[in-house]
Amino acid sequence: MTKQKAQVLKKSNFPSNDFFKHLLNGTHYYQSHNFERAIEEWSAAQRINYSEPILLNRINDQISCGCRLDEIPLLFFLYAVYINKVTGTSVIKTEGSAKKLLFHEGRLVRAGTSKREERIGKYLLKRGNFTPEKLDFLFSEAKKQGKKIGQYLIESSLLTTKSLQEVLSLQAEEILSDIFFWQKGQIIVVEKPIPRDAVVNYLPLEIAIIAAQRGFNFTDFRNRIPNNKTIFRHSPYANGNEEDIRSSLNTNHLFIFLLIDGVRNIDQLIKFSGADEVSVINILYRLNSAGLIRKTKEVAEYEDKEYLEMAKILGVLFEVYQLIINELFRELGRRGKEVVQSSVKLLKPDHQKIFTNILMDEPEKMEVNSIFRNISQNFPSPDQRLLFIDAFLELYLLIFAEYNKFVGRGLANVTAEQIGRSISDIERFATNSSYKNRLLEVLHTISRKH
């Protein structure tokens, strides 16, 4: 079919809406090698779930259309193909280079190239299965038999079907990653049957984000963080999508995401999560490469009042716990350890998680960091952060009940007096908060139980 008969797509063929604005912005960022922002824009488009029609004409009952890349971004064209569920072959050319894309019902299933450095041999060599000399020989043998190299290698038991699929997928991703940089060129798609041997099965935005993520690697991300005073904030496009975000993140990732407020730096995220530096930076990279957060220009440190208050309250809870355990062991000796262990087992499941991997019969070894780590791994939402106080209350009460079975009375007066002094100290906290008020309720409860 001649080029004259193909429909030439213009900007007027595409809606002017937020979805296509994100596609365009992401393309500009990608082509200027700002992969972080490209991911953010394209991820925002992905959350819109665009499905409006884009009209493609049928000529002789066949879709045949194309565009110039300096007028229409590649992603616009790919969406026109996807929305119309085109099955066919597309050729894209620029400055002596040509690439071939195959689509099945609008999804990209295979990519080919005229560039020698992007052909399958490069990826086979990368895997280390063959030497260049051996591979040249195998290509020659495949050609003699009229077979594709992949088919020949599988039939010769030199490569598994799975391995070939991985190689071809990597090739397709690299081909597309290069095409997204093209600012000039022409692309045309013709609707027609294609071979059934699909390599990949990508939606347009899926392959675009994969391309950007290939450019935004961890080493580059780490180099952009001068120190742990760097601050991140939520992407403006992540607002209003909390339910979708929660379902897409595991507990640790969600905890860090919800801690990020545009003010806390990396050091403070590490402290609050109880995790190590490597883990937190890995999570930040994954959130950044998912388009959910972005690095701010600020590099600073401020007083994290919520963390400091939680740490101070945990200090009080540890002190009270140690008072109780000291008296328990003084009165019951070795049996006191059994009381502690049985009490922990009786805790509600959520409360048990607060004390995971903590030696409860050695209160002097309890660390604030351990509790924070258990909170971050199990309770990511801010509205769950008071749970650790309730866990300590239940533990205290269970120990009291067991203690009373053996001794027949409550705590010694000296222990009750010390708890009373803790109450007085807490009541002098500078500000009222939900943490302070809940802690006072707990201390008053256990003082009445003595």
Protein backbone atom coordinates (compact mmCIF):
# COMPACT_ATOMS: atom_id res chain seq x y z
CA MET A 1 0.00 0.00 0.00
CA THR A 2 1.41 3.39 -0.96
CA LYS A 3 2.20 6.12 1.51
CA GLN A 4 -0.29 8.43 -0.20
CA LYS A 5 -3.14 6.14 0.84
CA ALA A 6 -2.11 6.01 4.49
CA GLN A 7 -3.89 8.27 6.95
CA VAL A 8 -1.55 10.96 8.24
CA LEU A 9 -2.20 11.62 11.94
CA LYS A 10 -2.13 15.19 13.24
CA LYS A 11 -2.47 16.68 16.72
CA SER A 12 -6.15 17.28 16.00
CA ASN A 13 -6.68 13.50 15.94
CA PHE A 14 -5.88 13.32 19.65
CA PRO A 15 -7.90 14.69 22.58
CA SER A 16 -6.52 17.61 24.56
CA ASN A 17 -6.78 16.21 28.08
CA ASP A 18 -4.62 15.46 31.13
CA PHE A 19 -3.78 11.97 29.88
CA PHE A 20 -2.12 13.20 26.70
CA LYS A 21 -0.54 16.13 28.53
CA HIS A 22 1.23 13.62 30.78
CA LEU A 23 2.31 11.59 27.74
CA LEU A 24 3.76 14.71 26.12
CA ASN A 25 5.47 15.98 29.28
CA GLY A 26 6.96 12.56 29.95
CA THR A 27 8.29 12.41 26.39
CA HIS A 28 10.01 15.79 26.78
CA TYR A 29 11.58 14.71 30.08
CA TYR A 30 12.69 11.38 28.64
CA GLN A 31 14.31 12.97 25.61
CA SER A 32 16.24 15.33 27.89
CA HIS A 33 17.37 12.28 29.97
CA ASN A 34 15.35 13.35 33.02
CA PHE A 35 14.09 9.81 33.54
CA GLU A 36 12.83 10.43 37.07
CA ARG A 37 10.34 13.04 35.89
CA ALA A 38 9.44 11.00 32.81
CA ILE A 39 8.46 8.12 35.08
CA GLU A 40 6.42 10.49 37.23
CA GLU A 41 4.50 11.90 34.26
CA TRP A 42 3.89 8.54 32.61
CA SER A 43 2.89 6.91 35.91
CA ALA A 44 0.38 9.72 36.43
CA ALA A 45 -1.07 8.99 32.98
CA GLN A 46 -1.22 5.28 33.84
CA ARG A 47 -3.41 6.04 36.86
CA ILE A 48 -5.93 7.94 34.72
CA ASN A 49 -7.01 4.76 32.83
CA TYR A 50 -7.70 6.62 29.60
CA SER A 51 -9.96 4.83 27.10
CA GLU A 52 -11.48 7.53 24.84
CA PRO A 53 -11.71 6.66 21.12
CA ILE A 54 -9.11 7.83 18.59
CA LEU A 55 -10.56 7.56 15.11
CA LEU A 56 -8.42 5.72 12.55
CA ASN A 57 -9.76 5.53 9.01
CA ARG A 58 -10.13 2.24 7.16
CA ILE A 59 -8.99 2.24 3.55
CA ASN A 60 -10.16 -0.83 1.62
CA ASP A 61 -11.25 -2.25 5.00
CA GLN A 62 -7.72 -1.91 6.34
CA ILE A 63 -6.14 0.52 8.80
CA SER A 64 -3.02 2.16 7.42
CA CYS A 65 -1.76 5.27 9.15
CA GLY A 66 1.38 7.09 10.14
CA CYS A 67 2.85 10.30 11.46
CA ARG A 68 6.00 12.38 11.79
CA LEU A 69 7.66 12.18 15.19
CA ASP A 70 8.40 15.92 15.27
CA GLU A 71 4.63 16.48 15.13
CA ILE A 72 3.21 13.53 17.07
CA PRO A 73 5.05 11.87 19.99
CA LEU A 74 5.61 8.13 19.65
CA LEU A 75 3.38 7.40 22.66
CA PHE A 76 0.46 9.20 21.01
CA PHE A 77 0.85 6.97 17.97
CA LEU A 78 1.17 3.82 20.09
CA TYR A 79 -2.07 4.73 21.87
CA ALA A 80 -3.87 5.22 18.57
CA VAL A 81 -2.79 1.69 17.64
CA TYR A 82 -3.77 0.33 21.06
CA ILE A 83 -7.19 1.98 21.31
CA ASN A 84 -8.09 0.66 17.84
CA LYS A 85 -6.76 -2.83 18.69
CA VAL A 86 -4.67 -2.93 15.54
CA THR A 87 -2.94 -6.17 14.61
CA GLY A 88 -0.19 -5.47 12.14
CA THR A 89 3.32 -4.30 11.37
CA SER A 90 4.85 -0.88 11.95
CA VAL A 91 8.07 0.55 10.53
CA ILE A 92 9.79 3.55 12.09
CA LYS A 93 12.68 5.29 10.37
CA THR A 94 15.09 8.09 11.18
CA GLU A 95 18.42 9.17 9.68
CA GLY A 96 19.34 5.86 8.08
CA SER A 97 18.09 3.72 10.96
CA ALA A 98 14.95 1.60 10.77
CA LYS A 99 13.09 -0.47 13.33
CA LYS A 100 10.12 -2.75 13.09
CA LEU A 101 7.31 -3.16 15.63
CA LEU A 102 4.66 -5.86 15.61
CA PHE A 103 1.30 -5.41 17.30
CA HIS A 104 -1.41 -7.87 18.27
CA GLU A 105 -4.75 -6.24 19.11
CA GLY A 106 -2.92 -3.02 19.88
CA ARG A 107 -0.30 -4.50 22.20
CA LEU A 108 3.37 -4.53 21.27
CA VAL A 109 4.50 -8.14 20.87
CA ARG A 110 7.82 -7.96 19.02
CA ALA A 111 10.50 -5.48 17.93
CA GLY A 112 13.22 -5.69 15.31
CA THR A 113 16.03 -3.40 14.20
CA SER A 114 18.42 -2.60 11.39
CA LYS A 115 21.13 -1.66 13.90
CA ARG A 116 23.73 -4.40 14.19
CA GLU A 117 24.44 -3.47 17.82
CA GLU A 118 20.79 -4.12 18.73
CA ARG A 119 20.44 -7.49 17.05
CA ILE A 120 19.98 -10.69 18.97
CA GLY A 121 23.66 -11.70 18.79
CA LYS A 122 24.60 -8.88 21.17
CA TYR A 123 22.27 -10.20 23.86
CA LEU A 124 23.34 -13.80 23.38
CA LEU A 125 26.95 -12.71 23.91
CA LYS A 126 25.94 -10.79 27.04
CA ARG A 127 24.59 -13.98 28.58
CA GLY A 128 28.05 -15.53 28.23
CA ASN A 129 26.79 -18.73 26.60
CA PHE A 130 28.77 -18.25 23.42
CA THR A 131 32.01 -16.77 22.15
CA PRO A 132 31.84 -14.40 19.16
CA GLU A 133 33.47 -17.06 16.98
CA LYS A 134 31.03 -19.77 18.09
CA LEU A 135 28.08 -17.45 17.55
CA ASP A 136 29.21 -16.56 14.02
CA PHE A 137 29.40 -20.26 13.22
CA LEU A 138 25.90 -20.87 14.63
CA PHE A 139 24.44 -17.97 12.63
CA SER A 140 26.01 -19.46 9.51
CA GLU A 141 24.54 -22.89 10.23
CA ALA A 142 21.09 -21.46 10.92
CA LYS A 143 21.19 -19.52 7.67
CA LYS A 144 22.13 -22.65 5.72
CA GLN A 145 19.05 -24.40 7.09
CA GLY A 146 16.81 -21.41 6.44
CA LYS A 147 16.02 -20.96 10.14
CA LYS A 148 16.04 -18.06 12.53
CA ILE A 149 18.93 -18.19 14.98
CA GLY A 150 16.60 -18.57 17.97
CA GLN A 151 14.76 -21.51 16.44
CA TYR A 152 18.08 -23.14 15.46
CA LEU A 153 19.55 -22.76 18.98
CA ILE A 154 16.47 -24.30 20.62
CA GLU A 155 16.37 -27.23 18.17
CA SER A 156 20.10 -27.77 18.77
CA SER A 157 19.52 -27.76 22.57
CA LEU A 158 21.92 -24.83 22.90
CA LEU A 159 19.27 -22.51 24.39
CA THR A 160 16.01 -23.10 26.22
CA THR A 161 12.75 -21.55 25.09
CA LYS A 162 12.63 -19.55 28.33
CA SER A 163 16.16 -18.21 27.82
CA LEU A 164 15.37 -17.18 24.25
CA GLN A 165 12.24 -15.40 25.48
CA GLU A 166 14.34 -13.46 28.01
CA VAL A 167 16.86 -12.48 25.32
CA LEU A 168 14.17 -11.32 22.89
CA SER A 169 12.35 -9.39 25.65
CA LEU A 170 15.56 -7.59 26.56
CA GLN A 171 16.15 -6.81 22.89
CA ALA A 172 12.62 -5.41 22.49
CA GLU A 173 13.00 -3.22 25.59
CA GLU A 174 16.31 -1.82 24.37
CA ILE A 175 14.94 -1.12 20.89
CA LEU A 176 11.98 0.78 22.34
CA SER A 177 14.18 2.59 24.84
CA ASP A 178 16.15 3.97 21.91
CA ILE A 179 13.10 4.88 19.82
CA PHE A 180 11.63 7.03 22.61
CA PHE A 181 14.66 9.32 22.22
CA TRP A 182 13.88 9.95 18.54
CA GLN A 183 12.63 13.48 17.95
CA LYS A 184 12.54 13.18 14.17
CA GLY A 185 11.48 10.40 11.86
CA GLN A 186 8.45 8.74 10.38
CA ILE A 187 6.33 5.82 11.56
CA ILE A 188 3.61 3.91 9.76
CA VAL A 189 1.48 0.91 10.75
CA VAL A 190 -0.37 -1.40 8.36
CA GLU A 191 -3.08 -3.73 9.59
CA LYS A 192 -2.34 -7.32 8.54
CA PRO A 193 -1.78 -10.79 10.02
CA ILE A 194 1.47 -11.28 11.96
CA PRO A 195 3.38 -14.39 13.11
CA ARG A 196 2.04 -15.95 16.30
CA ASP A 197 5.41 -16.11 18.09
CA ALA A 198 4.93 -13.12 20.41
CA VAL A 199 7.95 -12.05 22.44
CA VAL A 200 6.40 -9.48 24.78
CA ASN A 201 2.90 -8.22 25.48
CA TYR A 202 3.12 -4.55 26.40
CA LEU A 203 0.66 -1.72 26.71
CA PRO A 204 2.13 1.56 25.43
CA LEU A 205 2.70 3.06 28.89
CA GLU A 206 4.13 -0.17 30.24
CA ILE A 207 6.97 -0.17 27.73
CA ALA A 208 7.48 3.59 28.12
CA ILE A 209 7.90 3.29 31.88
CA ILE A 210 10.21 0.29 31.47
CA ALA A 211 12.34 2.39 29.10
CA ALA A 212 12.53 5.26 31.60
CA GLN A 213 13.32 2.90 34.48
CA ARG A 214 16.19 1.42 32.44
CA GLY A 215 17.67 4.93 32.31
CA PHE A 216 16.94 5.67 35.96
CA ASN A 217 19.17 3.04 37.55
CA PHE A 218 20.07 2.75 41.22
CA THR A 219 23.63 3.99 40.77
CA ASP A 220 22.41 7.22 39.19
CA PHE A 221 19.82 7.62 41.93
CA ARG A 222 22.44 7.12 44.66
CA ASN A 223 24.77 9.64 43.06
CA ARG A 224 22.02 12.25 43.17
CA ILE A 225 21.79 11.96 46.94
CA PRO A 226 24.73 13.96 48.34
CA ASN A 227 24.08 12.78 51.89
CA ASN A 228 21.32 11.57 54.16
CA LYS A 229 20.06 15.11 54.71
CA THR A 230 18.29 14.88 51.33
CA ILE A 231 14.52 15.37 51.49
CA PHE A 232 11.80 13.78 49.38
CA ARG A 233 8.17 14.73 48.92
CA HIS A 234 5.18 13.06 47.33
CA SER A 235 4.66 13.52 43.63
CA PRO A 236 1.79 15.99 43.09
CA TYR A 237 0.21 13.33 40.89
CA ALA A 238 0.16 10.79 43.73
CA ASN A 239 -2.36 12.84 45.72
CA GLY A 240 -5.88 11.47 45.68
CA ASN A 241 -4.73 7.96 44.76
CA GLU A 242 -4.06 6.68 48.28
CA GLU A 243 -6.19 3.54 47.92
CA ASP A 244 -4.43 2.50 44.70
CA ILE A 245 -1.03 3.30 46.21
CA ARG A 246 -1.74 1.28 49.34
CA SER A 247 -2.66 -1.76 47.27
CA SER A 248 0.50 -1.46 45.15
CA LEU A 249 3.02 -1.19 48.02
CA ASN A 250 4.12 -3.70 50.61
CA THR A 251 4.05 -2.71 54.29
CA ASN A 252 7.64 -1.42 54.54
CA HIS A 253 7.33 0.64 51.36
CA LEU A 254 3.98 2.06 52.45
CA PHE A 255 5.32 3.00 55.89
CA ILE A 256 8.18 5.02 54.34
CA PHE A 257 5.84 6.54 51.74
CA LEU A 258 3.46 7.75 54.47
CA LEU A 259 6.37 9.12 56.53
CA ILE A 260 7.57 11.29 53.65
CA ASP A 261 6.24 14.80 54.16
CA GLY A 262 8.63 17.09 52.30
CA VAL A 263 10.40 17.89 55.58
CA ARG A 264 11.86 14.66 56.98
CA ASN A 265 15.27 13.83 55.56
CA ILE A 266 16.69 10.36 54.93
CA ASP A 267 18.33 10.10 58.36
CA GLN A 268 14.99 10.81 60.01
CA LEU A 269 13.23 8.24 57.84
CA ILE A 270 15.84 5.69 58.93
CA LYS A 271 15.29 6.48 62.62
CA PHE A 272 11.52 6.46 62.42
CA SER A 273 11.37 3.19 60.50
CA GLY A 274 13.95 1.41 62.66
CA ALA A 275 15.45 0.08 59.41
CA ASP A 276 19.03 0.29 58.22
CA GLU A 277 20.31 2.88 55.76
CA VAL A 278 20.60 0.48 52.81
CA SER A 279 17.00 -0.73 53.19
CA VAL A 280 15.56 2.79 53.40
CA ILE A 281 17.52 4.08 50.40
CA ASN A 282 16.43 1.04 48.38
CA ILE A 283 12.81 1.78 49.27
CA LEU A 284 13.24 5.44 48.30
CA TYR A 285 14.66 4.35 44.95
CA ARG A 286 11.72 2.05 44.32
CA LEU A 287 9.19 4.75 45.29
CA ASN A 288 11.03 7.25 43.09
CA SER A 289 11.19 4.83 40.14
CA ALA A 290 7.45 4.20 40.56
CA GLY A 291 6.74 7.93 40.14
CA LEU A 292 5.36 8.29 43.68
CA ILE A 293 7.97 10.63 45.19
CA ARG A 294 10.52 13.16 43.98
CA LYS A 295 13.68 14.60 45.48
CA THR A 296 13.38 18.21 46.62
CA LYS A 297 16.10 20.84 46.23
CA GLU A 298 16.30 21.20 50.00
CA VAL A 299 19.00 19.43 52.00
CA ALA A 300 18.23 20.04 55.64
CA GLU A 301 17.44 18.68 59.07
CA TYR A 302 14.65 19.60 61.40
CA GLU A 303 13.35 18.33 64.70
CA ASP A 304 11.04 15.40 64.06
CA LYS A 305 8.64 16.03 66.91
CA GLU A 306 6.48 12.95 66.30
CA TYR A 307 9.49 10.62 66.34
CA LEU A 308 10.94 12.28 69.45
CA GLU A 309 7.61 12.02 71.28
CA MET A 310 7.18 8.36 70.35
CA ALA A 311 10.77 7.62 71.42
CA LYS A 312 10.25 9.41 74.74
CA ILE A 313 7.02 7.54 75.41
CA LEU A 314 8.70 4.24 74.59
CA GLY A 315 11.40 5.16 77.09
CA VAL A 316 8.74 5.58 79.78
CA LEU A 317 7.04 2.31 78.82
CA PHE A 318 10.41 0.50 78.97
CA GLU A 319 11.10 1.95 82.44
CA VAL A 320 7.69 0.86 83.74
CA TYR A 321 8.12 -2.58 82.18
CA GLN A 322 11.52 -2.98 83.82
CA LEU A 323 10.03 -2.02 87.21
CA ILE A 324 7.37 -4.70 86.81
CA ILE A 325 9.80 -7.38 85.63
CA ASN A 326 12.31 -6.63 88.40
CA GLU A 327 9.65 -7.12 91.04
CA LEU A 328 8.30 -10.20 89.24
CA PHE A 329 11.72 -11.86 89.22
CA ARG A 330 12.44 -10.79 92.78
CA GLU A 331 9.24 -12.44 94.00
CA LEU A 332 9.10 -15.49 91.71
CA GLY A 333 12.70 -16.10 90.67
CA ARG A 334 13.01 -18.34 87.61
CA ARG A 335 9.26 -18.76 87.46
CA GLY A 336 9.05 -15.06 86.56
CA LYS A 337 10.46 -15.90 83.14
CA GLU A 338 7.64 -18.39 82.58
CA VAL A 339 5.11 -15.70 83.51
CA VAL A 340 6.56 -13.32 80.94
CA GLN A 341 6.60 -15.94 78.19
CA SER A 342 3.03 -17.07 78.84
CA SER A 343 1.82 -13.45 78.98
CA VAL A 344 3.39 -12.64 75.62
CA LYS A 345 1.71 -15.68 74.07
CA LEU A 346 -1.67 -14.48 75.34
CA LEU A 347 -1.35 -11.09 73.65
CA LYS A 348 -3.62 -10.23 70.76
CA PRO A 349 -1.95 -11.11 67.43
CA ASP A 350 -1.38 -7.46 66.48
CA HIS A 351 0.12 -6.72 69.89
CA GLN A 352 2.46 -9.70 69.59
CA LYS A 353 3.86 -8.16 66.40
CA ILE A 354 5.00 -5.11 68.38
CA PHE A 355 7.36 -7.35 70.37
CA THR A 356 8.69 -9.55 67.54
CA ASN A 357 12.35 -10.55 68.05
CA ILE A 358 12.58 -8.77 71.41
CA LEU A 359 13.82 -10.59 74.52
CA MET A 360 10.93 -9.78 76.83
CA ASP A 361 12.55 -11.34 79.89
CA GLU A 362 15.58 -9.03 79.51
CA PRO A 363 14.01 -5.53 79.66
CA GLU A 364 17.38 -3.81 80.05
CA LYS A 365 18.18 -4.90 76.48
CA MET A 366 14.98 -3.51 74.94
CA GLU A 367 15.66 -0.84 72.29
CA VAL A 368 13.45 1.89 70.89
CA ASN A 369 14.75 1.08 67.41
CA SER A 370 13.40 -2.49 67.64
CA ILE A 371 9.86 -1.30 68.36
CA PHE A 372 9.99 1.24 65.54
CA ARG A 373 11.15 -1.50 63.16
CA ASN A 374 8.25 -3.75 64.16
CA ILE A 375 5.80 -0.88 63.70
CA SER A 376 7.16 -0.10 60.22
CA GLN A 377 7.02 -3.75 59.15
CA ASN A 378 3.45 -4.34 60.32
CA PHE A 379 1.55 -1.08 60.81
CA PRO A 380 2.24 1.47 58.06
CA SER A 381 -0.72 3.80 58.57
CA PRO A 382 -0.37 6.83 60.85
CA ASP A 383 -3.65 5.92 62.55
CA GLN A 384 -2.03 2.65 63.75
CA ARG A 385 0.95 4.25 65.47
CA LEU A 386 -0.75 4.36 68.88
CA LEU A 387 -1.00 0.58 68.85
CA PHE A 388 2.35 0.10 70.58
CA ILE A 389 0.98 1.83 73.72
CA ASP A 390 -2.04 -0.49 73.81
CA ALA A 391 0.29 -3.48 73.34
CA PHE A 392 2.28 -2.52 76.43
CA LEU A 393 -0.93 -2.02 78.44
CA GLU A 394 -2.22 -5.49 77.55
CA LEU A 395 1.17 -6.99 78.40
CA TYR A 396 1.25 -5.22 81.78
CA LEU A 397 -2.25 -6.43 82.64
CA LEU A 398 -1.53 -10.03 81.63
CA ILE A 399 1.62 -10.06 83.76
CA PHE A 400 -0.33 -8.58 86.70
CA ALA A 401 -2.94 -11.34 86.40
CA GLU A 402 -0.26 -14.07 86.39
CA TYR A 403 1.65 -12.35 89.17
CA ASN A 404 -1.44 -12.22 91.35
CA LYS A 405 -2.02 -15.97 90.90
CA PHE A 406 1.31 -16.71 92.57
CA VAL A 407 1.65 -13.86 95.08
CA GLY A 408 -1.98 -13.15 95.87
CA ARG A 409 -1.59 -9.38 95.73
CA GLY A 410 -0.71 -6.51 93.42
CA LEU A 411 2.58 -4.73 92.95
CA ALA A 412 4.65 -3.63 95.91
CA ASN A 413 4.02 -0.07 97.02
CA VAL A 414 7.48 1.05 95.96
CA THR A 415 6.77 0.00 92.35
CA ALA A 416 3.40 1.74 92.38
CA GLU A 417 5.02 4.90 93.70
CA GLN A 418 7.60 4.85 90.91
CA ILE A 419 4.82 4.50 88.34
CA GLY A 420 3.07 7.43 89.98
CA ARG A 421 6.20 9.54 89.51
CA SER A 422 6.23 8.55 85.84
CA ILE A 423 2.65 9.83 85.57
CA SER A 424 3.70 13.16 87.05
CA ASP A 425 6.60 13.42 84.61
CA ILE A 426 4.36 12.70 81.62
CA GLU A 427 1.77 15.23 82.77
CA ARG A 428 4.47 17.88 82.53
CA PHE A 429 5.03 17.20 78.80
CA ALA A 430 5.01 20.57 77.06
CA THR A 431 2.12 19.83 74.70
CA ASN A 432 -0.94 17.64 74.66
CA SER A 433 -1.13 14.96 72.00
CA SER A 434 -2.86 11.67 71.28
CA TYR A 435 0.34 9.85 72.32
CA LYS A 436 0.58 11.65 75.64
CA ASN A 437 -3.09 11.22 76.47
CA ARG A 438 -3.09 7.52 75.64
CA LEU A 439 0.07 6.94 77.67
CA LEU A 440 -1.48 8.65 80.71
CA GLU A 441 -4.55 6.43 80.37
CA VAL A 442 -2.28 3.38 80.40
CA LEU A 443 -0.25 4.51 83.41
CA HIS A 444 -3.36 5.41 85.40
CA THR A 445 -4.84 2.00 84.54
CA ILE A 446 -1.85 0.03 85.76
CA SER A 447 -1.45 2.19 88.86
CA ARG A 448 -5.02 1.27 89.84
CA LYS A 449 -4.24 -2.41 89.22
CA HIS A 450 -1.35 -2.57 91.67
